[in-house]
Amino acid sequence: RRGCQLSLRVKGPRESGRKLFEHLQGDAIVVDWREPDVIRAAPTPLYNRHMDCRRLVESVARWRDTR
């Protein structure tokens, strides 16, 4: 009802999504993997600040730029 969730799917081979998931975990960003190809992040206002969301976006951008 008041939850929030961001689901990410990576275009391309299935292993691309898994590699992004591992990259995010390496950056100490808490996400989870859902088969077959979904990465979930749940930025909750009580626990996360806007900078946490920014770290997620910047980490995804770094991963994208190194592909």
C-alpha atoms as a PDB file:
ATOM      1  CA  ARG A   1       0.000   0.000   0.000  1.00  0.00           C
ATOM      2  CA  ARG A   2       2.720   2.474   0.877  1.00  0.00           C
ATOM      3  CA  GLY A   3       5.702   0.485  -0.233  1.00  0.00           C
ATOM      4  CA  CYS A   4       8.059   1.368  -2.989  1.00  0.00           C
ATOM      5  CA  GLN A   5      10.000  -0.793  -5.354  1.00  0.00           C
ATOM      6  CA  LEU A   6      12.087  -0.205  -8.426  1.00  0.00           C
ATOM      7  CA  SER A   7      12.467  -3.148 -10.790  1.00  0.00           C
ATOM      8  CA  LEU A   8      15.257  -3.076 -13.371  1.00  0.00           C
ATOM      9  CA  ARG A   9      15.649  -5.234 -16.465  1.00  0.00           C
ATOM     10  CA  VAL A  10      18.780  -5.049 -18.594  1.00  0.00           C
ATOM     11  CA  LYS A  11      18.458  -5.325 -22.361  1.00  0.00           C
ATOM     12  CA  GLY A  12      20.702  -7.879 -23.934  1.00  0.00           C
ATOM     13  CA  PRO A  13      21.849 -11.308 -22.854  1.00  0.00           C
ATOM     14  CA  ARG A  14      20.467 -12.606 -19.579  1.00  0.00           C
ATOM     15  CA  GLU A  15      23.905 -12.661 -17.997  1.00  0.00           C
ATOM     16  CA  SER A  16      24.091  -8.863 -18.428  1.00  0.00           C
ATOM     17  CA  GLY A  17      21.467  -8.399 -15.737  1.00  0.00           C
ATOM     18  CA  ARG A  18      23.300 -10.778 -13.431  1.00  0.00           C
ATOM     19  CA  LYS A  19      26.554  -8.868 -13.992  1.00  0.00           C
ATOM     20  CA  LEU A  20      24.854  -5.576 -13.110  1.00  0.00           C
ATOM     21  CA  PHE A  21      23.432  -7.191  -9.968  1.00  0.00           C
ATOM     22  CA  GLU A  22      26.913  -8.337  -8.927  1.00  0.00           C
ATOM     23  CA  HIS A  23      28.336  -4.882  -9.711  1.00  0.00           C
ATOM     24  CA  LEU A  24      25.732  -3.226  -7.469  1.00  0.00           C
ATOM     25  CA  GLN A  25      26.451  -5.652  -4.647  1.00  0.00           C
ATOM     26  CA  GLY A  26      30.157  -4.890  -5.054  1.00  0.00           C
ATOM     27  CA  ASP A  27      29.319  -1.214  -4.527  1.00  0.00           C
ATOM     28  CA  ALA A  28      27.512  -2.166  -1.270  1.00  0.00           C
ATOM     29  CA  ILE A  29      24.098  -1.348  -2.723  1.00  0.00           C
ATOM     30  CA  VAL A  30      21.390  -3.617  -1.354  1.00  0.00           C
ATOM     31  CA  VAL A  31      19.333  -5.101  -4.189  1.00  0.00           C
ATOM     32  CA  ASP A  32      17.949  -8.539  -4.876  1.00  0.00           C
ATOM     33  CA  TRP A  33      17.768 -10.762  -7.921  1.00  0.00           C
ATOM     34  CA  ARG A  34      14.498 -12.250  -9.153  1.00  0.00           C
ATOM     35  CA  GLU A  35      14.468 -14.898 -11.815  1.00  0.00           C
ATOM     36  CA  PRO A  36      14.501 -14.756 -14.687  1.00  0.00           C
ATOM     37  CA  ASP A  37      15.990 -11.264 -15.131  1.00  0.00           C
ATOM     38  CA  VAL A  38      14.837  -8.645 -12.624  1.00  0.00           C
ATOM     39  CA  ILE A  39      16.895  -6.596 -10.168  1.00  0.00           C
ATOM     40  CA  ARG A  40      14.828  -5.071  -7.388  1.00  0.00           C
ATOM     41  CA  ALA A  41      15.685  -2.048  -5.272  1.00  0.00           C
ATOM     42  CA  ALA A  42      13.380  -0.756  -2.560  1.00  0.00           C
ATOM     43  CA  PRO A  43      14.256   2.797  -1.527  1.00  0.00           C
ATOM     44  CA  THR A  44      12.197   3.340   1.616  1.00  0.00           C
ATOM     45  CA  PRO A  45      11.900   6.932   2.901  1.00  0.00           C
ATOM     46  CA  LEU A  46      12.268   5.857   6.542  1.00  0.00           C
ATOM     47  CA  TYR A  47      15.630   4.196   5.903  1.00  0.00           C
ATOM     48  CA  ASN A  48      17.098   5.733   2.767  1.00  0.00           C
ATOM     49  CA  ARG A  49      18.069   9.252   1.819  1.00  0.00           C
ATOM     50  CA  HIS A  50      18.069  10.777  -1.634  1.00  0.00           C
ATOM     51  CA  MET A  51      21.838  10.251  -1.740  1.00  0.00           C
ATOM     52  CA  ASP A  52      21.288   6.487  -1.477  1.00  0.00           C
ATOM     53  CA  CYS A  53      19.130   6.648  -4.599  1.00  0.00           C
ATOM     54  CA  ARG A  54      21.767   8.751  -6.299  1.00  0.00           C
ATOM     55  CA  ARG A  55      24.446   6.158  -5.446  1.00  0.00           C
ATOM     56  CA  LEU A  56      22.293   3.505  -7.126  1.00  0.00           C
ATOM     57  CA  VAL A  57      21.888   5.562 -10.302  1.00  0.00           C
ATOM     58  CA  GLU A  58      25.586   6.481 -10.408  1.00  0.00           C
ATOM     59  CA  SER A  59      26.607   2.859  -9.935  1.00  0.00           C
ATOM     60  CA  VAL A  60      24.345   1.738 -12.786  1.00  0.00           C
ATOM     61  CA  ALA A  61      25.796   4.509 -14.985  1.00  0.00           C
ATOM     62  CA  ARG A  62      29.385   3.432 -14.185  1.00  0.00           C
ATOM     63  CA  TRP A  63      28.524  -0.162 -15.052  1.00  0.00           C
ATOM     64  CA  ARG A  64      26.882   0.946 -18.310  1.00  0.00           C
ATOM     65  CA  ASP A  65      29.872   3.083 -19.286  1.00  0.00           C
ATOM     66  CA  THR A  66      32.294   0.174 -18.850  1.00  0.00           C
ATOM     67  CA  ARG A  67      30.337  -2.183 -21.105  1.00  0.00           C
END
